[in-house]
Amino acid sequence: MHELSLAEHLLHIIEDAAQQQRFSRVKAVWLEIGELACVEPASLRFYFDVVTRDSIAHQAALHIIDIPGQAHCSACGKHCAISSYHAMCPHCSCSGTGLTVTQGEAMRIKELEVE
């Protein structure tokens, strides 16, 4: 259910940007969500629609861009794709404790289409 608070925070960021950049309507939002960010996209879409009612982003399209998880292995020095924090290095089978996440934990607004 933390997607509700994420959707509220997104709206707050959008409203702040609208005030600073003086736009009156948001038509679309492109949102990057990392595979390791623990965000359920369908739930976020639902709550985004709920919290944006009667707002500057009412009926804005929400485009979600999935960002894969990646890590660097301290044992073999290679980069690898991961889908969980407990993954093993596919190159040397080092456990997740030897992997340092380099991509896929974040969520960020990449772009807004505004009027």
PDB file of N, CA and C in Angstrom:
ATOM      1  N   MET A   1       0.824  -1.195   0.000  1.00  0.00           N
ATOM      2  CA  MET A   1       0.000   0.000   0.000  1.00  0.00           C
ATOM      3  C   MET A   1       0.864   1.253   0.000  1.00  0.00           C
ATOM      4  N   HIS A   2       2.185   1.108   0.049  1.00  0.00           N
ATOM      5  CA  HIS A   2       3.031   2.297   0.022  1.00  0.00           C
ATOM      6  C   HIS A   2       2.946   3.008  -1.321  1.00  0.00           C
ATOM      7  N   GLU A   3       2.344   2.360  -2.321  1.00  0.00           N
ATOM      8  CA  GLU A   3       2.158   3.009  -3.621  1.00  0.00           C
ATOM      9  C   GLU A   3       1.266   4.244  -3.501  1.00  0.00           C
ATOM     10  N   LEU A   4       0.343   4.241  -2.533  1.00  0.00           N
ATOM     11  CA  LEU A   4      -0.484   5.425  -2.297  1.00  0.00           C
ATOM     12  C   LEU A   4       0.392   6.610  -1.913  1.00  0.00           C
ATOM     13  N   SER A   5       1.299   6.417  -0.977  1.00  0.00           N
ATOM     14  CA  SER A   5       2.171   7.529  -0.567  1.00  0.00           C
ATOM     15  C   SER A   5       3.127   7.922  -1.701  1.00  0.00           C
ATOM     16  N   LEU A   6       3.548   6.960  -2.516  1.00  0.00           N
ATOM     17  CA  LEU A   6       4.393   7.287  -3.668  1.00  0.00           C
ATOM     18  C   LEU A   6       3.619   8.142  -4.670  1.00  0.00           C
ATOM     19  N   ALA A   7       2.360   7.782  -4.924  1.00  0.00           N
ATOM     20  CA  ALA A   7       1.531   8.558  -5.856  1.00  0.00           C
ATOM     21  C   ALA A   7       1.299   9.970  -5.315  1.00  0.00           C
ATOM     22  N   GLU A   8       1.073  10.097  -4.028  1.00  0.00           N
ATOM     23  CA  GLU A   8       0.891  11.427  -3.423  1.00  0.00           C
ATOM     24  C   GLU A   8       2.168  12.249  -3.554  1.00  0.00           C
ATOM     25  N   HIS A   9       3.302  11.619  -3.349  1.00  0.00           N
ATOM     26  CA  HIS A   9       4.583  12.316  -3.478  1.00  0.00           C
ATOM     27  C   HIS A   9       4.833  12.745  -4.922  1.00  0.00           C
ATOM     28  N   LEU A  10       4.494  11.884  -5.878  1.00  0.00           N
ATOM     29  CA  LEU A  10       4.621  12.246  -7.292  1.00  0.00           C
ATOM     30  C   LEU A  10       3.793  13.479  -7.609  1.00  0.00           C
ATOM     31  N   LEU A  11       2.551  13.505  -7.128  1.00  0.00           N
ATOM     32  CA  LEU A  11       1.698  14.656  -7.375  1.00  0.00           C
ATOM     33  C   LEU A  11       2.297  15.913  -6.754  1.00  0.00           C
ATOM     34  N   HIS A  12       2.843  15.799  -5.570  1.00  0.00           N
ATOM     35  CA  HIS A  12       3.475  16.949  -4.909  1.00  0.00           C
ATOM     36  C   HIS A  12       4.638  17.485  -5.753  1.00  0.00           C
ATOM     37  N   ILE A  13       5.463  16.592  -6.271  1.00  0.00           N
ATOM     38  CA  ILE A  13       6.589  16.999  -7.125  1.00  0.00           C
ATOM     39  C   ILE A  13       6.073  17.690  -8.386  1.00  0.00           C
ATOM     40  N   ILE A  14       5.043  17.123  -8.988  1.00  0.00           N
ATOM     41  CA  ILE A  14       4.460  17.707 -10.199  1.00  0.00           C
ATOM     42  C   ILE A  14       3.888  19.090  -9.915  1.00  0.00           C
ATOM     43  N   GLU A  15       3.170  19.234  -8.806  1.00  0.00           N
ATOM     44  CA  GLU A  15       2.587  20.539  -8.454  1.00  0.00           C
ATOM     45  C   GLU A  15       3.678  21.575  -8.174  1.00  0.00           C
ATOM     46  N   ASP A  16       4.751  21.168  -7.526  1.00  0.00           N
ATOM     47  CA  ASP A  16       5.880  22.083  -7.302  1.00  0.00           C
ATOM     48  C   ASP A  16       6.499  22.522  -8.628  1.00  0.00           C
ATOM     49  N   ALA A  17       6.667  21.583  -9.546  1.00  0.00           N
ATOM     50  CA  ALA A  17       7.225  21.913 -10.858  1.00  0.00           C
ATOM     51  C   ALA A  17       6.301  22.859 -11.616  1.00  0.00           C
ATOM     52  N   ALA A  18       4.996  22.634 -11.517  1.00  0.00           N
ATOM     53  CA  ALA A  18       4.024  23.504 -12.201  1.00  0.00           C
ATOM     54  C   ALA A  18       4.103  24.923 -11.667  1.00  0.00           C
ATOM     55  N   GLN A  19       4.269  25.052 -10.374  1.00  0.00           N
ATOM     56  CA  GLN A  19       4.369  26.386  -9.766  1.00  0.00           C
ATOM     57  C   GLN A  19       5.662  27.079 -10.210  1.00  0.00           C
ATOM     58  N   GLN A  20       6.754  26.357 -10.232  1.00  0.00           N
ATOM     59  CA  GLN A  20       8.040  26.941 -10.603  1.00  0.00           C
ATOM     60  C   GLN A  20       8.133  27.246 -12.102  1.00  0.00           C
ATOM     61  N   GLN A  21       7.572  26.355 -12.928  1.00  0.00           N
ATOM     62  CA  GLN A  21       7.724  26.489 -14.380  1.00  0.00           C
ATOM     63  C   GLN A  21       6.478  27.048 -15.061  1.00  0.00           C
ATOM     64  N   ARG A  22       5.463  27.301 -14.277  1.00  0.00           N
ATOM     65  CA  ARG A  22       4.230  27.944 -14.742  1.00  0.00           C
ATOM     66  C   ARG A  22       3.524  27.218 -15.883  1.00  0.00           C
ATOM     67  N   PHE A  23       3.263  25.941 -15.673  1.00  0.00           N
ATOM     68  CA  PHE A  23       2.396  25.238 -16.619  1.00  0.00           C
ATOM     69  C   PHE A  23       1.075  24.943 -15.916  1.00  0.00           C
ATOM     70  N   SER A  24       0.033  24.744 -16.717  1.00  0.00           N
ATOM     71  CA  SER A  24      -1.309  24.648 -16.144  1.00  0.00           C
ATOM     72  C   SER A  24      -1.913  23.247 -16.181  1.00  0.00           C
ATOM     73  N   ARG A  25      -1.304  22.351 -16.929  1.00  0.00           N
ATOM     74  CA  ARG A  25      -1.878  21.011 -17.047  1.00  0.00           C
ATOM     75  C   ARG A  25      -0.787  20.016 -17.398  1.00  0.00           C
ATOM     76  N   VAL A  26      -0.887  18.831 -16.824  1.00  0.00           N
ATOM     77  CA  VAL A  26       0.027  17.736 -17.153  1.00  0.00           C
ATOM     78  C   VAL A  26      -0.751  16.723 -17.982  1.00  0.00           C
ATOM     79  N   LYS A  27      -0.243  16.443 -19.163  1.00  0.00           N
ATOM     80  CA  LYS A  27      -0.903  15.495 -20.052  1.00  0.00           C
ATOM     81  C   LYS A  27      -0.336  14.079 -19.922  1.00  0.00           C
ATOM     82  N   ALA A  28       0.962  13.988 -19.604  1.00  0.00           N
ATOM     83  CA  ALA A  28       1.599  12.673 -19.488  1.00  0.00           C
ATOM     84  C   ALA A  28       2.805  12.753 -18.558  1.00  0.00           C
ATOM     85  N   VAL A  29       3.062  11.640 -17.905  1.00  0.00           N
ATOM     86  CA  VAL A  29       4.200  11.507 -16.995  1.00  0.00           C
ATOM     87  C   VAL A  29       4.950  10.238 -17.388  1.00  0.00           C
ATOM     88  N   TRP A  30       6.267  10.352 -17.586  1.00  0.00           N
ATOM     89  CA  TRP A  30       7.117   9.195 -17.817  1.00  0.00           C
ATOM     90  C   TRP A  30       7.892   8.967 -16.529  1.00  0.00           C
ATOM     91  N   LEU A  31       7.714   7.785 -15.969  1.00  0.00           N
ATOM     92  CA  LEU A  31       8.280   7.463 -14.670  1.00  0.00           C
ATOM     93  C   LEU A  31       9.174   6.237 -14.794  1.00  0.00           C
ATOM     94  N   GLU A  32      10.435   6.383 -14.391  1.00  0.00           N
ATOM     95  CA  GLU A  32      11.355   5.250 -14.370  1.00  0.00           C
ATOM     96  C   GLU A  32      11.246   4.570 -13.015  1.00  0.00           C
ATOM     97  N   ILE A  33      11.045   3.258 -13.043  1.00  0.00           N
ATOM     98  CA  ILE A  33      10.963   2.486 -11.799  1.00  0.00           C
ATOM     99  C   ILE A  33      11.938   1.327 -11.883  1.00  0.00           C
ATOM    100  N   GLY A  34      12.852   1.279 -10.945  1.00  0.00           N
ATOM    101  CA  GLY A  34      13.832   0.198 -10.897  1.00  0.00           C
ATOM    102  C   GLY A  34      13.209  -1.115 -10.463  1.00  0.00           C
ATOM    103  N   GLU A  35      13.726  -2.177 -11.015  1.00  0.00           N
ATOM    104  CA  GLU A  35      13.248  -3.522 -10.712  1.00  0.00           C
ATOM    105  C   GLU A  35      13.385  -3.854  -9.221  1.00  0.00           C
ATOM    106  N   LEU A  36      14.339  -3.235  -8.556  1.00  0.00           N
ATOM    107  CA  LEU A  36      14.582  -3.502  -7.139  1.00  0.00           C
ATOM    108  C   LEU A  36      13.914  -2.476  -6.219  1.00  0.00           C
ATOM    109  N   ALA A  37      13.110  -1.585  -6.781  1.00  0.00           N
ATOM    110  CA  ALA A  37      12.508  -0.493  -6.002  1.00  0.00           C
ATOM    111  C   ALA A  37      11.296  -0.935  -5.178  1.00  0.00           C
ATOM    112  N   CYS A  38      10.868  -2.166  -5.330  1.00  0.00           N
ATOM    113  CA  CYS A  38       9.724  -2.691  -4.569  1.00  0.00           C
ATOM    114  C   CYS A  38       8.455  -1.876  -4.794  1.00  0.00           C
ATOM    115  N   VAL A  39       8.187  -1.566  -6.051  1.00  0.00           N
ATOM    116  CA  VAL A  39       6.990  -0.824  -6.420  1.00  0.00           C
ATOM    117  C   VAL A  39       6.156  -1.707  -7.335  1.00  0.00           C
ATOM    118  N   GLU A  40       4.878  -1.829  -7.027  1.00  0.00           N
ATOM    119  CA  GLU A  40       3.946  -2.585  -7.858  1.00  0.00           C
ATOM    120  C   GLU A  40       3.326  -1.621  -8.865  1.00  0.00           C
ATOM    121  N   PRO A  41       3.718  -1.694 -10.147  1.00  0.00           N
ATOM    122  CA  PRO A  41       3.241  -0.727 -11.137  1.00  0.00           C
ATOM    123  C   PRO A  41       1.721  -0.613 -11.244  1.00  0.00           C
ATOM    124  N   ALA A  42       1.003  -1.726 -11.221  1.00  0.00           N
ATOM    125  CA  ALA A  42      -0.464  -1.669 -11.346  1.00  0.00           C
ATOM    126  C   ALA A  42      -1.077  -0.912 -10.171  1.00  0.00           C
ATOM    127  N   SER A  43      -0.562  -1.146  -8.992  1.00  0.00           N
ATOM    128  CA  SER A  43      -1.050  -0.445  -7.807  1.00  0.00           C
ATOM    129  C   SER A  43      -0.714   1.046  -7.881  1.00  0.00           C
ATOM    130  N   LEU A  44       0.489   1.363  -8.329  1.00  0.00           N
ATOM    131  CA  LEU A  44       0.879   2.768  -8.463  1.00  0.00           C
ATOM    132  C   LEU A  44      -0.010   3.475  -9.481  1.00  0.00           C
ATOM    133  N   ARG A  45      -0.310   2.816 -10.595  1.00  0.00           N
ATOM    134  CA  ARG A  45      -1.206   3.401 -11.598  1.00  0.00           C
ATOM    135  C   ARG A  45      -2.580   3.703 -10.990  1.00  0.00           C
ATOM    136  N   PHE A  46      -3.104   2.748 -10.242  1.00  0.00           N
ATOM    137  CA  PHE A  46      -4.410   2.936  -9.606  1.00  0.00           C
ATOM    138  C   PHE A  46      -4.388   4.154  -8.683  1.00  0.00           C
ATOM    139  N   TYR A  47      -3.421   4.208  -7.796  1.00  0.00           N
ATOM    140  CA  TYR A  47      -3.362   5.314  -6.830  1.00  0.00           C
ATOM    141  C   TYR A  47      -3.026   6.647  -7.497  1.00  0.00           C
ATOM    142  N   PHE A  48      -2.246   6.612  -8.570  1.00  0.00           N
ATOM    143  CA  PHE A  48      -1.959   7.845  -9.300  1.00  0.00           C
ATOM    144  C   PHE A  48      -3.262   8.423  -9.848  1.00  0.00           C
ATOM    145  N   ASP A  49      -4.108   7.573 -10.421  1.00  0.00           N
ATOM    146  CA  ASP A  49      -5.408   8.037 -10.919  1.00  0.00           C
ATOM    147  C   ASP A  49      -6.272   8.599  -9.795  1.00  0.00           C
ATOM    148  N   VAL A  50      -6.213   7.976  -8.638  1.00  0.00           N
ATOM    149  CA  VAL A  50      -7.016   8.432  -7.491  1.00  0.00           C
ATOM    150  C   VAL A  50      -6.537   9.789  -6.987  1.00  0.00           C
ATOM    151  N   VAL A  51      -5.239   9.926  -6.751  1.00  0.00           N
ATOM    152  CA  VAL A  51      -4.737  11.163  -6.131  1.00  0.00           C
ATOM    153  C   VAL A  51      -4.689  12.345  -7.091  1.00  0.00           C
ATOM    154  N   THR A  52      -4.712  12.080  -8.399  1.00  0.00           N
ATOM    155  CA  THR A  52      -4.642  13.195  -9.349  1.00  0.00           C
ATOM    156  C   THR A  52      -6.016  13.739  -9.749  1.00  0.00           C
ATOM    157  N   ARG A  53      -7.077  13.113  -9.254  1.00  0.00           N
ATOM    158  CA  ARG A  53      -8.414  13.659  -9.540  1.00  0.00           C
ATOM    159  C   ARG A  53      -8.481  15.085  -9.022  1.00  0.00           C
ATOM    160  N   ASP A  54      -9.077  15.956  -9.792  1.00  0.00           N
ATOM    161  CA  ASP A  54      -9.225  17.369  -9.432  1.00  0.00           C
ATOM    162  C   ASP A  54      -7.880  18.051  -9.188  1.00  0.00           C
ATOM    163  N   SER A  55      -6.859  17.618  -9.915  1.00  0.00           N
ATOM    164  CA  SER A  55      -5.542  18.238  -9.785  1.00  0.00           C
ATOM    165  C   SER A  55      -5.044  18.645 -11.167  1.00  0.00           C
ATOM    166  N   ILE A  56      -3.885  19.243 -11.193  1.00  0.00           N
ATOM    167  CA  ILE A  56      -3.247  19.653 -12.445  1.00  0.00           C
ATOM    168  C   ILE A  56      -2.925  18.447 -13.342  1.00  0.00           C
ATOM    169  N   ALA A  57      -2.842  17.264 -12.744  1.00  0.00           N
ATOM    170  CA  ALA A  57      -2.495  16.048 -13.483  1.00  0.00           C
ATOM    171  C   ALA A  57      -3.701  15.135 -13.713  1.00  0.00           C
ATOM    172  N   HIS A  58      -4.910  15.683 -13.559  1.00  0.00           N
ATOM    173  CA  HIS A  58      -6.116  14.873 -13.766  1.00  0.00           C
ATOM    174  C   HIS A  58      -6.120  14.284 -15.171  1.00  0.00           C
ATOM    175  N   GLN A  59      -6.315  12.984 -15.264  1.00  0.00           N
ATOM    176  CA  GLN A  59      -6.345  12.214 -16.512  1.00  0.00           C
ATOM    177  C   GLN A  59      -5.015  12.210 -17.265  1.00  0.00           C
ATOM    178  N   ALA A  60      -3.930  12.509 -16.589  1.00  0.00           N
ATOM    179  CA  ALA A  60      -2.610  12.416 -17.225  1.00  0.00           C
ATOM    180  C   ALA A  60      -2.265  10.945 -17.447  1.00  0.00           C
ATOM    181  N   ALA A  61      -1.676  10.657 -18.580  1.00  0.00           N
ATOM    182  CA  ALA A  61      -1.217   9.296 -18.864  1.00  0.00           C
ATOM    183  C   ALA A  61       0.054   9.029 -18.055  1.00  0.00           C
ATOM    184  N   LEU A  62       0.105   7.876 -17.418  1.00  0.00           N
ATOM    185  CA  LEU A  62       1.289   7.494 -16.653  1.00  0.00           C
ATOM    186  C   LEU A  62       2.016   6.396 -17.423  1.00  0.00           C
ATOM    187  N   HIS A  63       3.197   6.719 -17.934  1.00  0.00           N
ATOM    188  CA  HIS A  63       4.022   5.770 -18.687  1.00  0.00           C
ATOM    189  C   HIS A  63       5.130   5.286 -17.760  1.00  0.00           C
ATOM    190  N   ILE A  64       5.183   3.993 -17.543  1.00  0.00           N
ATOM    191  CA  ILE A  64       6.195   3.434 -16.648  1.00  0.00           C
ATOM    192  C   ILE A  64       7.299   2.781 -17.478  1.00  0.00           C
ATOM    193  N   ILE A  65       8.514   3.197 -17.200  1.00  0.00           N
ATOM    194  CA  ILE A  65       9.697   2.656 -17.864  1.00  0.00           C
ATOM    195  C   ILE A  65      10.410   1.772 -16.840  1.00  0.00           C
ATOM    196  N   ASP A  66      10.486   0.487 -17.137  1.00  0.00           N
ATOM    197  CA  ASP A  66      11.142  -0.456 -16.230  1.00  0.00           C
ATOM    198  C   ASP A  66      12.654  -0.370 -16.384  1.00  0.00           C
ATOM    199  N   ILE A  67      13.327  -0.209 -15.256  1.00  0.00           N
ATOM    200  CA  ILE A  67      14.791  -0.156 -15.239  1.00  0.00           C
ATOM    201  C   ILE A  67      15.286  -1.456 -14.590  1.00  0.00           C
ATOM    202  N   PRO A  68      16.054  -2.259 -15.315  1.00  0.00           N
ATOM    203  CA  PRO A  68      16.504  -3.538 -14.757  1.00  0.00           C
ATOM    204  C   PRO A  68      17.514  -3.349 -13.628  1.00  0.00           C
ATOM    205  N   GLY A  69      17.553  -4.346 -12.750  1.00  0.00           N
ATOM    206  CA  GLY A  69      18.534  -4.338 -11.675  1.00  0.00           C
ATOM    207  C   GLY A  69      19.892  -4.766 -12.207  1.00  0.00           C
ATOM    208  N   GLN A  70      20.934  -4.081 -11.750  1.00  0.00           N
ATOM    209  CA  GLN A  70      22.299  -4.446 -12.125  1.00  0.00           C
ATOM    210  C   GLN A  70      23.183  -4.331 -10.886  1.00  0.00           C
ATOM    211  N   ALA A  71      24.248  -5.108 -10.903  1.00  0.00           N
ATOM    212  CA  ALA A  71      25.179  -5.087  -9.771  1.00  0.00           C
ATOM    213  C   ALA A  71      26.603  -5.306 -10.257  1.00  0.00           C
ATOM    214  N   HIS A  72      27.524  -4.942  -9.388  1.00  0.00           N
ATOM    215  CA  HIS A  72      28.950  -5.185  -9.627  1.00  0.00           C
ATOM    216  C   HIS A  72      29.396  -6.229  -8.612  1.00  0.00           C
ATOM    217  N   CYS A  73      30.089  -7.243  -9.080  1.00  0.00           N
ATOM    218  CA  CYS A  73      30.567  -8.321  -8.207  1.00  0.00           C
ATOM    219  C   CYS A  73      31.971  -7.998  -7.723  1.00  0.00           C
ATOM    220  N   SER A  74      32.138  -7.947  -6.417  1.00  0.00           N
ATOM    221  CA  SER A  74      33.459  -7.638  -5.865  1.00  0.00           C
ATOM    222  C   SER A  74      34.417  -8.826  -6.002  1.00  0.00           C
ATOM    223  N   ALA A  75      33.891 -10.032  -6.165  1.00  0.00           N
ATOM    224  CA  ALA A  75      34.747 -11.211  -6.272  1.00  0.00           C
ATOM    225  C   ALA A  75      35.389 -11.334  -7.659  1.00  0.00           C
ATOM    226  N   CYS A  76      34.601 -11.183  -8.722  1.00  0.00           N
ATOM    227  CA  CYS A  76      35.159 -11.364 -10.071  1.00  0.00           C
ATOM    228  C   CYS A  76      35.291 -10.052 -10.842  1.00  0.00           C
ATOM    229  N   GLY A  77      34.730  -8.959 -10.301  1.00  0.00           N
ATOM    230  CA  GLY A  77      34.859  -7.650 -10.929  1.00  0.00           C
ATOM    231  C   GLY A  77      33.942  -7.396 -12.109  1.00  0.00           C
ATOM    232  N   LYS A  78      33.008  -8.301 -12.356  1.00  0.00           N
ATOM    233  CA  LYS A  78      32.110  -8.142 -13.501  1.00  0.00           C
ATOM    234  C   LYS A  78      30.777  -7.533 -13.074  1.00  0.00           C
ATOM    235  N   HIS A  79      30.095  -6.960 -14.061  1.00  0.00           N
ATOM    236  CA  HIS A  79      28.746  -6.439 -13.852  1.00  0.00           C
ATOM    237  C   HIS A  79      27.757  -7.520 -14.286  1.00  0.00           C
ATOM    238  N   CYS A  80      26.620  -7.565 -13.606  1.00  0.00           N
ATOM    239  CA  CYS A  80      25.616  -8.569 -13.946  1.00  0.00           C
ATOM    240  C   CYS A  80      24.216  -8.032 -13.694  1.00  0.00           C
ATOM    241  N   ALA A  81      23.253  -8.654 -14.371  1.00  0.00           N
ATOM    242  CA  ALA A  81      21.846  -8.336 -14.154  1.00  0.00           C
ATOM    243  C   ALA A  81      21.370  -9.095 -12.921  1.00  0.00           C
ATOM    244  N   ILE A  82      20.581  -8.430 -12.094  1.00  0.00           N
ATOM    245  CA  ILE A  82      20.001  -9.089 -10.922  1.00  0.00           C
ATOM    246  C   ILE A  82      18.525  -8.709 -10.838  1.00  0.00           C
ATOM    247  N   SER A  83      17.748  -9.589 -10.234  1.00  0.00           N
ATOM    248  CA  SER A  83      16.328  -9.302 -10.062  1.00  0.00           C
ATOM    249  C   SER A  83      15.920  -9.265  -8.598  1.00  0.00           C
ATOM    250  N   SER A  84      16.892  -9.510  -7.708  1.00  0.00           N
ATOM    251  CA  SER A  84      16.627  -9.416  -6.271  1.00  0.00           C
ATOM    252  C   SER A  84      17.933  -9.098  -5.547  1.00  0.00           C
ATOM    253  N   TYR A  85      17.791  -8.667  -4.312  1.00  0.00           N
ATOM    254  CA  TYR A  85      18.972  -8.344  -3.514  1.00  0.00           C
ATOM    255  C   TYR A  85      19.735  -9.605  -3.087  1.00  0.00           C
ATOM    256  N   HIS A  86      19.110 -10.751  -3.209  1.00  0.00           N
ATOM    257  CA  HIS A  86      19.734 -12.004  -2.776  1.00  0.00           C
ATOM    258  C   HIS A  86      20.282 -12.808  -3.952  1.00  0.00           C
ATOM    259  N   ALA A  87      20.445 -12.157  -5.079  1.00  0.00           N
ATOM    260  CA  ALA A  87      20.927 -12.830  -6.283  1.00  0.00           C
ATOM    261  C   ALA A  87      22.391 -13.248  -6.130  1.00  0.00           C
ATOM    262  N   MET A  88      22.760 -14.216  -6.939  1.00  0.00           N
ATOM    263  CA  MET A  88      24.152 -14.655  -6.997  1.00  0.00           C
ATOM    264  C   MET A  88      24.751 -14.181  -8.314  1.00  0.00           C
ATOM    265  N   CYS A  89      26.021 -13.933  -8.320  1.00  0.00           N
ATOM    266  CA  CYS A  89      26.706 -13.524  -9.543  1.00  0.00           C
ATOM    267  C   CYS A  89      26.641 -14.678 -10.545  1.00  0.00           C
ATOM    268  N   PRO A  90      26.128 -14.429 -11.745  1.00  0.00           N
ATOM    269  CA  PRO A  90      26.051 -15.509 -12.738  1.00  0.00           C
ATOM    270  C   PRO A  90      27.422 -15.890 -13.313  1.00  0.00           C
ATOM    271  N   HIS A  91      28.431 -15.059 -13.072  1.00  0.00           N
ATOM    272  CA  HIS A  91      29.768 -15.325 -13.608  1.00  0.00           C
ATOM    273  C   HIS A  91      30.606 -16.198 -12.671  1.00  0.00           C
ATOM    274  N   CYS A  92      30.498 -15.958 -11.355  1.00  0.00           N
ATOM    275  CA  CYS A  92      31.355 -16.689 -10.414  1.00  0.00           C
ATOM    276  C   CYS A  92      30.577 -17.322  -9.259  1.00  0.00           C
ATOM    277  N   SER A  93      29.262 -17.158  -9.236  1.00  0.00           N
ATOM    278  CA  SER A  93      28.385 -17.710  -8.193  1.00  0.00           C
ATOM    279  C   SER A  93      28.619 -17.105  -6.822  1.00  0.00           C
ATOM    280  N   CYS A  94      29.230 -15.937  -6.767  1.00  0.00           N
ATOM    281  CA  CYS A  94      29.399 -15.220  -5.508  1.00  0.00           C
ATOM    282  C   CYS A  94      28.002 -14.892  -4.971  1.00  0.00           C
ATOM    283  N   SER A  95      27.837 -14.973  -3.671  1.00  0.00           N
ATOM    284  CA  SER A  95      26.524 -14.688  -3.074  1.00  0.00           C
ATOM    285  C   SER A  95      26.200 -13.205  -3.143  1.00  0.00           C
ATOM    286  N   GLY A  96      24.960 -12.868  -2.849  1.00  0.00           N
ATOM    287  CA  GLY A  96      24.486 -11.491  -2.899  1.00  0.00           C
ATOM    288  C   GLY A  96      25.277 -10.526  -2.036  1.00  0.00           C
ATOM    289  N   THR A  97      25.963 -11.020  -1.013  1.00  0.00           N
ATOM    290  CA  THR A  97      26.738 -10.120  -0.156  1.00  0.00           C
ATOM    291  C   THR A  97      27.952  -9.552  -0.888  1.00  0.00           C
ATOM    292  N   GLY A  98      28.393 -10.221  -1.953  1.00  0.00           N
ATOM    293  CA  GLY A  98      29.516  -9.725  -2.735  1.00  0.00           C
ATOM    294  C   GLY A  98      29.103  -8.822  -3.882  1.00  0.00           C
ATOM    295  N   LEU A  99      27.800  -8.629  -4.030  1.00  0.00           N
ATOM    296  CA  LEU A  99      27.283  -7.805  -5.113  1.00  0.00           C
ATOM    297  C   LEU A  99      26.906  -6.423  -4.596  1.00  0.00           C
ATOM    298  N   THR A 100      27.307  -5.406  -5.345  1.00  0.00           N
ATOM    299  CA  THR A 100      26.933  -4.030  -5.033  1.00  0.00           C
ATOM    300  C   THR A 100      25.988  -3.550  -6.119  1.00  0.00           C
ATOM    301  N   VAL A 101      24.774  -3.186  -5.713  1.00  0.00           N
ATOM    302  CA  VAL A 101      23.775  -2.738  -6.679  1.00  0.00           C
ATOM    303  C   VAL A 101      24.241  -1.438  -7.325  1.00  0.00           C
ATOM    304  N   THR A 102      24.171  -1.395  -8.651  1.00  0.00           N
ATOM    305  CA  THR A 102      24.573  -0.196  -9.390  1.00  0.00           C
ATOM    306  C   THR A 102      23.410   0.442 -10.142  1.00  0.00           C
ATOM    307  N   GLN A 103      22.309  -0.278 -10.281  1.00  0.00           N
ATOM    308  CA  GLN A 103      21.152   0.246 -11.005  1.00  0.00           C
ATOM    309  C   GLN A 103      19.908  -0.544 -10.614  1.00  0.00           C
ATOM    310  N   GLY A 104      18.773   0.139 -10.590  1.00  0.00           N
ATOM    311  CA  GLY A 104      17.506  -0.551 -10.405  1.00  0.00           C
ATOM    312  C   GLY A 104      16.829  -0.342  -9.073  1.00  0.00           C
ATOM    313  N   GLU A 105      17.374   0.523  -8.222  1.00  0.00           N
ATOM    314  CA  GLU A 105      16.761   0.775  -6.918  1.00  0.00           C
ATOM    315  C   GLU A 105      15.879   2.022  -6.902  1.00  0.00           C
ATOM    316  N   ALA A 106      16.005   2.870  -7.885  1.00  0.00           N
ATOM    317  CA  ALA A 106      15.396   4.198  -7.839  1.00  0.00           C
ATOM    318  C   ALA A 106      14.054   4.265  -8.570  1.00  0.00           C
ATOM    319  N   MET A 107      13.347   5.326  -8.261  1.00  0.00           N
ATOM    320  CA  MET A 107      12.155   5.712  -8.991  1.00  0.00           C
ATOM    321  C   MET A 107      12.285   7.202  -9.227  1.00  0.00           C
ATOM    322  N   ARG A 108      12.099   7.637 -10.484  1.00  0.00           N
ATOM    323  CA  ARG A 108      12.229   9.060 -10.767  1.00  0.00           C
ATOM    324  C   ARG A 108      11.353   9.465 -11.939  1.00  0.00           C
ATOM    325  N   ILE A 109      10.925  10.702 -11.897  1.00  0.00           N
ATOM    326  CA  ILE A 109      10.184  11.253 -13.018  1.00  0.00           C
ATOM    327  C   ILE A 109      11.203  11.591 -14.099  1.00  0.00           C
ATOM    328  N   LYS A 110      11.047  10.985 -15.250  1.00  0.00           N
ATOM    329  CA  LYS A 110      11.970  11.245 -16.348  1.00  0.00           C
ATOM    330  C   LYS A 110      11.515  12.418 -17.179  1.00  0.00           C
ATOM    331  N   GLU A 111      10.190  12.518 -17.410  1.00  0.00           N
ATOM    332  CA  GLU A 111       9.687  13.541 -18.313  1.00  0.00           C
ATOM    333  C   GLU A 111       8.217  13.838 -18.017  1.00  0.00           C
ATOM    334  N   LEU A 112       7.822  15.077 -18.256  1.00  0.00           N
ATOM    335  CA  LEU A 112       6.424  15.489 -18.172  1.00  0.00           C
ATOM    336  C   LEU A 112       6.029  16.116 -19.492  1.00  0.00           C
ATOM    337  N   GLU A 113       4.833  15.815 -19.957  1.00  0.00           N
ATOM    338  CA  GLU A 113       4.249  16.512 -21.095  1.00  0.00           C
ATOM    339  C   GLU A 113       3.221  17.463 -20.509  1.00  0.00           C
ATOM    340  N   VAL A 114       3.418  18.762 -20.742  1.00  0.00           N
ATOM    341  CA  VAL A 114       2.595  19.766 -20.075  1.00  0.00           C
ATOM    342  C   VAL A 114       2.025  20.787 -21.073  1.00  0.00           C
ATOM    343  N   GLU A 115       1.068  21.541 -20.614  1.00  0.00           N
ATOM    344  CA  GLU A 115       0.509  22.669 -21.378  1.00  0.00           C
ATOM    345  C   GLU A 115       0.682  23.923 -20.556  1.00  0.00           C
TER     346      GLU A 115
END
